[in-house]
Amino acid sequence: MQAATITDLIRAACEERGWGPTKLAREVALAAGRGPDSLERQYARRWMKGERTPSPDVWLPYVVQVLQLDLTQTRAGDRGDPEAPAADTVKSVLALGRSDVERRSMLAATAGFALSALNLPDAEAITRRVASASAAWGEFIDCADGVRSVKISDALTDMRVRLSGHSKTSGVGELDCRAAALLGDT
């Protein structure tokens, strides 16, 4: 009979108890006296999937305690003996990076959905609107040049107020200077 791996023992003990990675992480953290949220569920998930092994000098003693594991059933390397392989491998580091990219993509998609559900514009939509308005106001200033009217003065003043919050947007500063010149505010 082949010796079991620490992953096999952890997975079997968790299945026997009906525990998932969240429950395992919580119980191990409590046993270590570090508080229920000090061990992320992703660490426990990786232990259960065999992507990583609990660090022999940090988590393994508490995993053994919580799950009441018998490490004599495991291979020598899985018990944290000196000949144990390193916990981090190229494969595990690549998997971590891939899951991080997937997490960021999911967060971006979720944020976009939340904004659309609330009828809020995304950041690019605001920039597009300011750019579109800037072009229209630029044409207005071209037409208003040389014309003196209360309505034009009011429109220029309103334009300056509306654009004041977007002074760092490309072209807005130029529009503001042109409007100020037409109003005689220079």
N, C-alpha and C. Protein backbone atom coordinates (compact mmCIF):
# COMPACT_ATOMS: atom_id res chain seq x y z
N MET A 1 0.84 -1.19 0.00
CA MET A 1 0.00 0.00 0.00
C MET A 1 0.88 1.25 0.00
N GLN A 2 0.55 2.19 -0.85
CA GLN A 2 1.33 3.42 -0.98
C GLN A 2 0.99 4.37 0.17
N ALA A 3 2.01 5.06 0.68
CA ALA A 3 1.79 6.02 1.77
C ALA A 3 0.98 7.20 1.27
N ALA A 4 0.11 7.71 2.12
CA ALA A 4 -0.74 8.85 1.76
C ALA A 4 0.08 10.14 1.82
N THR A 5 -0.37 11.12 1.07
CA THR A 5 0.26 12.44 1.15
C THR A 5 -0.49 13.26 2.21
N ILE A 6 0.13 14.32 2.65
CA ILE A 6 -0.53 15.21 3.61
C ILE A 6 -1.81 15.77 3.01
N THR A 7 -1.77 16.00 1.70
CA THR A 7 -2.97 16.50 1.00
C THR A 7 -4.10 15.49 1.10
N ASP A 8 -3.78 14.23 0.88
CA ASP A 8 -4.81 13.18 0.99
C ASP A 8 -5.43 13.16 2.38
N LEU A 9 -4.56 13.26 3.41
CA LEU A 9 -5.07 13.23 4.79
C LEU A 9 -5.94 14.45 5.09
N ILE A 10 -5.49 15.63 4.66
CA ILE A 10 -6.26 16.85 4.91
C ILE A 10 -7.60 16.78 4.20
N ARG A 11 -7.56 16.39 2.93
CA ARG A 11 -8.79 16.31 2.15
C ARG A 11 -9.78 15.31 2.76
N ALA A 12 -9.28 14.14 3.14
CA ALA A 12 -10.14 13.11 3.72
C ALA A 12 -10.73 13.57 5.06
N ALA A 13 -9.91 14.18 5.91
CA ALA A 13 -10.40 14.65 7.22
C ALA A 13 -11.44 15.75 7.04
N CYS A 14 -11.23 16.62 6.09
CA CYS A 14 -12.20 17.70 5.86
C CYS A 14 -13.51 17.15 5.30
N GLU A 15 -13.41 16.21 4.36
CA GLU A 15 -14.62 15.60 3.80
C GLU A 15 -15.40 14.86 4.89
N GLU A 16 -14.68 14.18 5.77
CA GLU A 16 -15.30 13.45 6.86
C GLU A 16 -16.09 14.39 7.78
N ARG A 17 -15.56 15.59 7.97
CA ARG A 17 -16.21 16.57 8.85
C ARG A 17 -17.19 17.46 8.10
N GLY A 18 -17.17 17.40 6.77
CA GLY A 18 -18.03 18.28 5.98
C GLY A 18 -17.50 19.71 5.92
N TRP A 19 -16.19 19.86 6.03
CA TRP A 19 -15.57 21.17 6.05
C TRP A 19 -15.08 21.55 4.66
N GLY A 20 -15.19 22.82 4.36
CA GLY A 20 -14.59 23.39 3.16
C GLY A 20 -13.36 24.18 3.57
N PRO A 21 -12.74 24.87 2.63
CA PRO A 21 -11.54 25.63 2.94
C PRO A 21 -11.77 26.76 3.94
N THR A 22 -12.94 27.36 3.92
CA THR A 22 -13.22 28.47 4.85
C THR A 22 -13.22 27.97 6.29
N LYS A 23 -13.90 26.86 6.53
CA LYS A 23 -13.98 26.30 7.87
C LYS A 23 -12.60 25.82 8.33
N LEU A 24 -11.85 25.17 7.43
CA LEU A 24 -10.51 24.70 7.79
C LEU A 24 -9.62 25.88 8.16
N ALA A 25 -9.63 26.92 7.36
CA ALA A 25 -8.79 28.09 7.64
C ALA A 25 -9.15 28.71 8.98
N ARG A 26 -10.43 28.82 9.26
CA ARG A 26 -10.89 29.42 10.52
C ARG A 26 -10.42 28.60 11.72
N GLU A 27 -10.63 27.29 11.66
CA GLU A 27 -10.29 26.42 12.78
C GLU A 27 -8.77 26.37 13.02
N VAL A 28 -7.99 26.32 11.95
CA VAL A 28 -6.53 26.29 12.10
C VAL A 28 -6.04 27.60 12.69
N ALA A 29 -6.59 28.72 12.21
CA ALA A 29 -6.19 30.03 12.74
C ALA A 29 -6.53 30.16 14.22
N LEU A 30 -7.71 29.68 14.61
CA LEU A 30 -8.11 29.72 16.02
C LEU A 30 -7.19 28.85 16.87
N ALA A 31 -6.84 27.67 16.35
CA ALA A 31 -5.94 26.78 17.09
C ALA A 31 -4.56 27.42 17.26
N ALA A 32 -4.14 28.21 16.28
CA ALA A 32 -2.84 28.87 16.34
C ALA A 32 -2.89 30.11 17.23
N GLY A 33 -4.09 30.48 17.68
CA GLY A 33 -4.25 31.64 18.54
C GLY A 33 -4.08 32.96 17.82
N ARG A 34 -4.37 32.97 16.52
CA ARG A 34 -4.16 34.17 15.71
C ARG A 34 -5.45 34.87 15.33
N GLY A 35 -6.57 34.42 15.76
CA GLY A 35 -7.84 35.05 15.38
C GLY A 35 -8.43 34.33 14.18
N PRO A 36 -9.75 34.32 14.08
CA PRO A 36 -10.43 33.51 13.07
C PRO A 36 -10.19 33.94 11.63
N ASP A 37 -9.79 35.18 11.39
CA ASP A 37 -9.61 35.66 10.01
C ASP A 37 -8.14 35.83 9.62
N SER A 38 -7.22 35.31 10.42
CA SER A 38 -5.80 35.53 10.14
C SER A 38 -5.25 34.59 9.06
N LEU A 39 -5.96 33.52 8.75
CA LEU A 39 -5.53 32.59 7.70
C LEU A 39 -6.57 32.65 6.58
N GLU A 40 -6.13 33.05 5.40
CA GLU A 40 -7.06 33.17 4.28
C GLU A 40 -7.52 31.81 3.81
N ARG A 41 -8.75 31.74 3.35
CA ARG A 41 -9.31 30.48 2.88
C ARG A 41 -8.55 29.94 1.68
N GLN A 42 -7.89 30.83 0.91
CA GLN A 42 -7.15 30.38 -0.26
C GLN A 42 -5.97 29.49 0.12
N TYR A 43 -5.35 29.77 1.28
CA TYR A 43 -4.28 28.89 1.75
C TYR A 43 -4.83 27.50 2.01
N ALA A 44 -5.94 27.43 2.72
CA ALA A 44 -6.54 26.13 3.03
C ALA A 44 -7.00 25.43 1.75
N ARG A 45 -7.54 26.18 0.80
CA ARG A 45 -7.97 25.59 -0.47
C ARG A 45 -6.77 24.96 -1.17
N ARG A 46 -5.64 25.65 -1.17
CA ARG A 46 -4.44 25.12 -1.82
C ARG A 46 -3.93 23.86 -1.11
N TRP A 47 -4.06 23.83 0.21
CA TRP A 47 -3.68 22.62 0.95
C TRP A 47 -4.57 21.46 0.53
N MET A 48 -5.87 21.73 0.43
CA MET A 48 -6.82 20.67 0.10
C MET A 48 -6.68 20.19 -1.34
N LYS A 49 -6.23 21.05 -2.23
CA LYS A 49 -6.07 20.68 -3.64
C LYS A 49 -4.68 20.12 -3.93
N GLY A 50 -3.75 20.22 -2.98
CA GLY A 50 -2.40 19.73 -3.19
C GLY A 50 -1.50 20.71 -3.91
N GLU A 51 -1.94 21.95 -4.05
CA GLU A 51 -1.12 22.98 -4.71
C GLU A 51 0.01 23.44 -3.78
N ARG A 52 -0.21 23.35 -2.49
CA ARG A 52 0.80 23.71 -1.49
C ARG A 52 0.65 22.77 -0.31
N THR A 53 1.67 22.78 0.55
CA THR A 53 1.56 22.01 1.79
C THR A 53 1.70 22.99 2.95
N PRO A 54 1.05 22.70 4.06
CA PRO A 54 1.17 23.60 5.22
C PRO A 54 2.62 23.69 5.66
N SER A 55 3.05 24.90 5.95
CA SER A 55 4.43 25.12 6.39
C SER A 55 4.66 24.36 7.70
N PRO A 56 5.69 23.51 7.74
CA PRO A 56 5.92 22.68 8.92
C PRO A 56 6.19 23.48 10.20
N ASP A 57 6.77 24.66 10.05
CA ASP A 57 7.10 25.44 11.24
C ASP A 57 6.02 26.46 11.60
N VAL A 58 4.99 26.59 10.78
CA VAL A 58 3.94 27.57 11.08
C VAL A 58 2.58 26.92 11.22
N TRP A 59 2.06 26.33 10.13
CA TRP A 59 0.67 25.86 10.13
C TRP A 59 0.49 24.36 10.35
N LEU A 60 1.45 23.55 9.91
CA LEU A 60 1.27 22.09 9.98
C LEU A 60 0.92 21.58 11.38
N PRO A 61 1.59 22.03 12.45
CA PRO A 61 1.21 21.52 13.77
C PRO A 61 -0.27 21.79 14.12
N TYR A 62 -0.78 22.92 13.67
CA TYR A 62 -2.18 23.26 13.98
C TYR A 62 -3.15 22.50 13.08
N VAL A 63 -2.74 22.24 11.83
CA VAL A 63 -3.57 21.42 10.94
C VAL A 63 -3.69 20.03 11.52
N VAL A 64 -2.56 19.48 12.00
CA VAL A 64 -2.56 18.14 12.61
C VAL A 64 -3.45 18.13 13.84
N GLN A 65 -3.33 19.16 14.66
CA GLN A 65 -4.13 19.24 15.89
C GLN A 65 -5.63 19.34 15.59
N VAL A 66 -6.00 20.23 14.70
CA VAL A 66 -7.42 20.48 14.41
C VAL A 66 -8.07 19.28 13.73
N LEU A 67 -7.36 18.68 12.78
CA LEU A 67 -7.93 17.56 12.03
C LEU A 67 -7.60 16.20 12.65
N GLN A 68 -6.81 16.21 13.73
CA GLN A 68 -6.40 14.99 14.42
C GLN A 68 -5.78 14.00 13.44
N LEU A 69 -4.78 14.49 12.70
CA LEU A 69 -4.12 13.67 11.68
C LEU A 69 -3.03 12.81 12.29
N ASP A 70 -2.83 11.65 11.69
CA ASP A 70 -1.73 10.75 12.06
C ASP A 70 -0.70 10.83 10.95
N LEU A 71 0.37 11.59 11.20
CA LEU A 71 1.38 11.80 10.17
C LEU A 71 2.27 10.60 9.92
N THR A 72 2.15 9.56 10.75
CA THR A 72 2.96 8.37 10.50
C THR A 72 2.50 7.66 9.23
N GLN A 73 1.29 8.00 8.76
CA GLN A 73 0.77 7.39 7.53
C GLN A 73 1.30 8.08 6.28
N THR A 74 1.98 9.21 6.44
CA THR A 74 2.44 9.97 5.27
C THR A 74 3.88 9.65 4.92
N ARG A 75 4.26 10.07 3.72
CA ARG A 75 5.67 9.93 3.31
C ARG A 75 6.50 10.88 4.15
N ALA A 76 7.77 10.58 4.30
CA ALA A 76 8.66 11.38 5.14
C ALA A 76 8.67 12.84 4.72
N GLY A 77 8.71 13.13 3.43
CA GLY A 77 8.79 14.49 2.94
C GLY A 77 7.55 15.32 3.27
N ASP A 78 6.41 14.69 3.40
CA ASP A 78 5.17 15.41 3.69
C ASP A 78 5.06 15.82 5.14
N ARG A 79 5.88 15.25 6.01
CA ARG A 79 5.79 15.57 7.43
C ARG A 79 6.61 16.79 7.81
N GLY A 80 7.27 17.38 6.83
CA GLY A 80 8.10 18.54 7.13
C GLY A 80 9.51 18.15 7.52
N ASP A 81 9.89 16.91 7.23
CA ASP A 81 11.25 16.48 7.50
C ASP A 81 12.21 17.25 6.58
N PRO A 82 13.49 17.28 6.90
CA PRO A 82 14.44 18.07 6.12
C PRO A 82 14.45 17.77 4.63
N GLU A 83 14.16 16.54 4.23
CA GLU A 83 14.21 16.22 2.81
C GLU A 83 12.93 16.60 2.07
N ALA A 84 12.05 17.35 2.73
CA ALA A 84 10.81 17.77 2.09
C ALA A 84 11.09 18.75 0.95
N PRO A 85 10.34 18.63 -0.14
CA PRO A 85 10.52 19.57 -1.24
C PRO A 85 10.00 20.96 -0.83
N ALA A 86 10.49 21.98 -1.51
CA ALA A 86 10.05 23.34 -1.23
C ALA A 86 8.55 23.46 -1.49
N ALA A 87 7.87 24.24 -0.67
CA ALA A 87 6.43 24.39 -0.82
C ALA A 87 6.06 25.16 -2.08
N ASP A 88 6.88 26.14 -2.47
CA ASP A 88 6.60 26.91 -3.67
C ASP A 88 7.28 26.28 -4.87
N THR A 89 6.51 26.06 -5.91
CA THR A 89 7.05 25.56 -7.16
C THR A 89 6.69 26.55 -8.25
N VAL A 90 7.31 26.42 -9.40
CA VAL A 90 6.98 27.30 -10.52
C VAL A 90 5.49 27.15 -10.85
N LYS A 91 5.01 25.94 -10.81
CA LYS A 91 3.60 25.69 -11.12
C LYS A 91 2.69 26.41 -10.14
N SER A 92 3.00 26.37 -8.84
CA SER A 92 2.13 27.02 -7.86
C SER A 92 2.20 28.54 -7.98
N VAL A 93 3.39 29.08 -8.29
CA VAL A 93 3.51 30.53 -8.46
C VAL A 93 2.73 30.98 -9.69
N LEU A 94 2.81 30.23 -10.79
CA LEU A 94 2.04 30.58 -11.99
C LEU A 94 0.54 30.49 -11.72
N ALA A 95 0.14 29.49 -10.96
CA ALA A 95 -1.28 29.36 -10.62
C ALA A 95 -1.75 30.54 -9.79
N LEU A 96 -0.91 31.00 -8.86
CA LEU A 96 -1.27 32.17 -8.05
C LEU A 96 -1.44 33.39 -8.94
N GLY A 97 -0.51 33.59 -9.87
CA GLY A 97 -0.59 34.74 -10.77
C GLY A 97 -1.83 34.68 -11.64
N ARG A 98 -2.15 33.50 -12.15
CA ARG A 98 -3.32 33.33 -13.01
C ARG A 98 -4.60 33.62 -12.22
N SER A 99 -4.67 33.14 -10.99
CA SER A 99 -5.88 33.39 -10.20
C SER A 99 -6.01 34.86 -9.84
N ASP A 100 -4.86 35.55 -9.68
CA ASP A 100 -4.91 36.98 -9.39
C ASP A 100 -5.45 37.75 -10.58
N VAL A 101 -5.02 37.38 -11.80
CA VAL A 101 -5.52 38.04 -13.02
C VAL A 101 -7.01 37.77 -13.16
N GLU A 102 -7.42 36.52 -12.93
CA GLU A 102 -8.84 36.18 -13.02
C GLU A 102 -9.64 36.96 -12.00
N ARG A 103 -9.09 37.15 -10.79
CA ARG A 103 -9.78 37.89 -9.74
C ARG A 103 -9.95 39.35 -10.16
N ARG A 104 -8.88 39.95 -10.72
CA ARG A 104 -8.97 41.35 -11.16
C ARG A 104 -9.97 41.50 -12.30
N SER A 105 -9.99 40.56 -13.22
CA SER A 105 -10.95 40.62 -14.33
C SER A 105 -12.37 40.52 -13.80
N MET A 106 -12.58 39.62 -12.84
CA MET A 106 -13.90 39.46 -12.26
C MET A 106 -14.33 40.73 -11.53
N LEU A 107 -13.39 41.36 -10.79
CA LEU A 107 -13.73 42.59 -10.09
C LEU A 107 -14.07 43.71 -11.06
N ALA A 108 -13.33 43.82 -12.16
CA ALA A 108 -13.61 44.85 -13.16
C ALA A 108 -14.98 44.63 -13.78
N ALA A 109 -15.30 43.38 -14.10
CA ALA A 109 -16.60 43.07 -14.69
C ALA A 109 -17.73 43.35 -13.69
N THR A 110 -17.51 43.00 -12.44
CA THR A 110 -18.50 43.24 -11.40
C THR A 110 -18.73 44.74 -11.21
N ALA A 111 -17.64 45.50 -11.19
CA ALA A 111 -17.77 46.95 -11.02
C ALA A 111 -18.53 47.56 -12.19
N GLY A 112 -18.22 47.12 -13.40
CA GLY A 112 -18.93 47.61 -14.58
C GLY A 112 -20.41 47.29 -14.52
N PHE A 113 -20.75 46.07 -14.09
CA PHE A 113 -22.15 45.69 -13.97
C PHE A 113 -22.86 46.54 -12.91
N ALA A 114 -22.19 46.75 -11.77
CA ALA A 114 -22.79 47.54 -10.70
C ALA A 114 -23.05 48.96 -11.16
N LEU A 115 -22.10 49.56 -11.87
CA LEU A 115 -22.29 50.91 -12.37
C LEU A 115 -23.46 50.97 -13.35
N SER A 116 -23.55 49.98 -14.24
CA SER A 116 -24.65 50.00 -15.22
C SER A 116 -25.99 49.74 -14.55
N ALA A 117 -26.01 48.88 -13.53
CA ALA A 117 -27.27 48.61 -12.83
C ALA A 117 -27.79 49.84 -12.10
N LEU A 118 -26.86 50.69 -11.66
CA LEU A 118 -27.24 51.92 -10.96
C LEU A 118 -27.39 53.10 -11.91
N ASN A 119 -27.25 52.84 -13.21
CA ASN A 119 -27.28 53.88 -14.24
C ASN A 119 -26.21 54.93 -14.02
N LEU A 120 -25.06 54.50 -13.50
CA LEU A 120 -23.93 55.40 -13.32
C LEU A 120 -22.97 55.20 -14.49
N PRO A 121 -22.39 56.28 -14.98
CA PRO A 121 -21.46 56.13 -16.10
C PRO A 121 -20.12 55.58 -15.65
N ASP A 122 -19.46 54.90 -16.55
CA ASP A 122 -18.10 54.46 -16.25
C ASP A 122 -17.17 55.66 -16.44
N ALA A 123 -15.93 55.54 -15.98
CA ALA A 123 -14.98 56.66 -16.03
C ALA A 123 -14.74 57.12 -17.47
N GLU A 124 -14.67 56.19 -18.41
CA GLU A 124 -14.44 56.56 -19.80
C GLU A 124 -15.62 57.32 -20.38
N ALA A 125 -16.85 57.00 -19.94
CA ALA A 125 -18.03 57.70 -20.44
C ALA A 125 -17.98 59.17 -20.02
N ILE A 126 -17.54 59.44 -18.82
CA ILE A 126 -17.43 60.83 -18.36
C ILE A 126 -16.40 61.56 -19.20
N THR A 127 -15.27 60.94 -19.46
CA THR A 127 -14.23 61.56 -20.29
C THR A 127 -14.74 61.81 -21.70
N ARG A 128 -15.48 60.83 -22.26
CA ARG A 128 -16.04 61.01 -23.61
C ARG A 128 -17.03 62.17 -23.64
N ARG A 129 -17.85 62.28 -22.60
CA ARG A 129 -18.83 63.37 -22.55
C ARG A 129 -18.14 64.73 -22.47
N VAL A 130 -17.10 64.83 -21.66
CA VAL A 130 -16.37 66.11 -21.53
C VAL A 130 -15.71 66.44 -22.86
N ALA A 131 -15.10 65.44 -23.51
CA ALA A 131 -14.45 65.69 -24.80
C ALA A 131 -15.47 66.13 -25.85
N SER A 132 -16.63 65.48 -25.86
CA SER A 132 -17.69 65.84 -26.81
C SER A 132 -18.20 67.25 -26.53
N ALA A 133 -18.42 67.56 -25.26
CA ALA A 133 -18.88 68.90 -24.88
C ALA A 133 -17.83 69.95 -25.20
N SER A 134 -16.55 69.60 -25.00
CA SER A 134 -15.47 70.54 -25.30
C SER A 134 -15.46 70.90 -26.77
N ALA A 135 -15.67 69.90 -27.62
CA ALA A 135 -15.70 70.16 -29.07
C ALA A 135 -16.86 71.09 -29.42
N ALA A 136 -18.03 70.82 -28.85
CA ALA A 136 -19.21 71.66 -29.12
C ALA A 136 -19.00 73.07 -28.60
N TRP A 137 -18.45 73.20 -27.42
CA TRP A 137 -18.22 74.53 -26.86
C TRP A 137 -17.14 75.28 -27.63
N GLY A 138 -16.16 74.54 -28.15
CA GLY A 138 -15.14 75.16 -29.00
C GLY A 138 -15.76 75.78 -30.23
N GLU A 139 -16.70 75.06 -30.87
CA GLU A 139 -17.41 75.60 -32.03
C GLU A 139 -18.25 76.81 -31.63
N PHE A 140 -18.87 76.75 -30.47
CA PHE A 140 -19.68 77.87 -29.98
C PHE A 140 -18.81 79.11 -29.79
N ILE A 141 -17.63 78.93 -29.19
CA ILE A 141 -16.73 80.06 -28.97
C ILE A 141 -16.29 80.65 -30.31
N ASP A 142 -16.01 79.77 -31.29
CA ASP A 142 -15.63 80.27 -32.62
C ASP A 142 -16.73 81.16 -33.21
N CYS A 143 -17.99 80.72 -33.05
CA CYS A 143 -19.13 81.49 -33.59
C CYS A 143 -19.37 82.77 -32.78
N ALA A 144 -19.12 82.72 -31.49
CA ALA A 144 -19.44 83.85 -30.61
C ALA A 144 -18.37 84.94 -30.65
N ASP A 145 -17.22 84.61 -31.22
CA ASP A 145 -16.12 85.59 -31.25
C ASP A 145 -16.56 86.86 -31.98
N GLY A 146 -16.48 87.97 -31.30
CA GLY A 146 -16.84 89.26 -31.88
C GLY A 146 -18.29 89.64 -31.66
N VAL A 147 -19.12 88.74 -31.16
CA VAL A 147 -20.53 89.04 -30.92
C VAL A 147 -20.70 89.36 -29.43
N ARG A 148 -21.35 90.47 -29.15
CA ARG A 148 -21.62 90.85 -27.77
C ARG A 148 -23.11 90.68 -27.51
N SER A 149 -23.41 89.79 -26.52
CA SER A 149 -24.80 89.52 -26.19
C SER A 149 -24.86 89.00 -24.76
N VAL A 150 -25.96 89.33 -24.07
CA VAL A 150 -26.15 88.84 -22.71
C VAL A 150 -26.28 87.32 -22.72
N LYS A 151 -26.98 86.77 -23.70
CA LYS A 151 -27.17 85.31 -23.77
C LYS A 151 -25.83 84.60 -24.01
N ILE A 152 -24.99 85.17 -24.86
CA ILE A 152 -23.69 84.56 -25.11
C ILE A 152 -22.83 84.65 -23.85
N SER A 153 -22.87 85.80 -23.17
CA SER A 153 -22.11 85.95 -21.92
C SER A 153 -22.57 84.94 -20.88
N ASP A 154 -23.89 84.78 -20.76
CA ASP A 154 -24.44 83.80 -19.82
C ASP A 154 -24.00 82.38 -20.19
N ALA A 155 -24.03 82.05 -21.48
CA ALA A 155 -23.64 80.71 -21.93
C ALA A 155 -22.16 80.47 -21.66
N LEU A 156 -21.32 81.48 -21.90
CA LEU A 156 -19.89 81.34 -21.64
C LEU A 156 -19.61 81.17 -20.15
N THR A 157 -20.32 81.93 -19.32
CA THR A 157 -20.16 81.80 -17.87
C THR A 157 -20.59 80.40 -17.42
N ASP A 158 -21.72 79.94 -17.92
CA ASP A 158 -22.21 78.59 -17.58
C ASP A 158 -21.19 77.52 -18.02
N MET A 159 -20.64 77.70 -19.22
CA MET A 159 -19.65 76.74 -19.72
C MET A 159 -18.44 76.69 -18.81
N ARG A 160 -17.95 77.84 -18.37
CA ARG A 160 -16.78 77.89 -17.49
C ARG A 160 -17.06 77.20 -16.16
N VAL A 161 -18.26 77.38 -15.64
CA VAL A 161 -18.64 76.73 -14.37
C VAL A 161 -18.67 75.21 -14.55
N ARG A 162 -19.28 74.75 -15.63
CA ARG A 162 -19.39 73.31 -15.87
C ARG A 162 -18.04 72.66 -16.12
N LEU A 163 -17.14 73.37 -16.77
CA LEU A 163 -15.83 72.81 -17.07
C LEU A 163 -14.83 72.95 -15.94
N SER A 164 -15.15 73.73 -14.92
CA SER A 164 -14.19 73.98 -13.85
C SER A 164 -13.75 72.70 -13.13
N GLY A 165 -14.59 71.71 -13.05
CA GLY A 165 -14.23 70.44 -12.41
C GLY A 165 -13.40 69.52 -13.29
N HIS A 166 -13.19 69.92 -14.54
CA HIS A 166 -12.46 69.07 -15.49
C HIS A 166 -11.24 69.78 -16.05
N SER A 167 -10.63 70.63 -15.24
CA SER A 167 -9.52 71.46 -15.71
C SER A 167 -8.31 70.65 -16.18
N LYS A 168 -8.16 69.41 -15.72
CA LYS A 168 -7.02 68.59 -16.12
C LYS A 168 -7.28 67.80 -17.40
N THR A 169 -8.52 67.86 -17.88
CA THR A 169 -8.86 67.16 -19.12
C THR A 169 -8.30 67.93 -20.30
N SER A 170 -7.78 67.21 -21.25
CA SER A 170 -7.14 67.82 -22.42
C SER A 170 -8.08 68.79 -23.13
N GLY A 171 -7.61 70.00 -23.38
CA GLY A 171 -8.36 71.01 -24.13
C GLY A 171 -9.25 71.90 -23.29
N VAL A 172 -9.55 71.50 -22.06
CA VAL A 172 -10.48 72.28 -21.23
C VAL A 172 -9.85 73.61 -20.81
N GLY A 173 -8.56 73.59 -20.49
CA GLY A 173 -7.87 74.82 -20.09
C GLY A 173 -7.89 75.85 -21.21
N GLU A 174 -7.67 75.40 -22.44
CA GLU A 174 -7.70 76.31 -23.60
C GLU A 174 -9.09 76.91 -23.78
N LEU A 175 -10.13 76.07 -23.67
CA LEU A 175 -11.51 76.58 -23.78
C LEU A 175 -11.79 77.63 -22.71
N ASP A 176 -11.34 77.38 -21.50
CA ASP A 176 -11.58 78.31 -20.41
C ASP A 176 -10.89 79.65 -20.68
N CYS A 177 -9.67 79.60 -21.19
CA CYS A 177 -8.95 80.84 -21.50
C CYS A 177 -9.65 81.62 -22.64
N ARG A 178 -10.12 80.91 -23.64
CA ARG A 178 -10.82 81.57 -24.75
C ARG A 178 -12.12 82.19 -24.26
N ALA A 179 -12.85 81.46 -23.41
CA ALA A 179 -14.12 81.99 -22.89
C ALA A 179 -13.84 83.22 -22.00
N ALA A 180 -12.81 83.13 -21.17
CA ALA A 180 -12.46 84.27 -20.31
C ALA A 180 -12.11 85.49 -21.14
N ALA A 181 -11.40 85.28 -22.26
CA ALA A 181 -11.03 86.38 -23.13
C ALA A 181 -12.27 87.04 -23.74
N LEU A 182 -13.24 86.21 -24.16
CA LEU A 182 -14.48 86.75 -24.74
C LEU A 182 -15.28 87.50 -23.70
N LEU A 183 -15.23 87.03 -22.45
CA LEU A 183 -15.98 87.70 -21.38
C LEU A 183 -15.25 88.92 -20.86
N GLY A 184 -13.99 89.05 -21.24
CA GLY A 184 -13.19 90.16 -20.75
C GLY A 184 -12.66 89.92 -19.35
N ASP A 185 -12.54 88.61 -18.93
CA ASP A 185 -12.06 88.25 -17.59
C ASP A 185 -10.55 88.04 -17.55
N THR A 186 -9.83 88.42 -18.60
CA THR A 186 -8.39 88.14 -18.63
C THR A 186 -7.59 89.15 -17.88
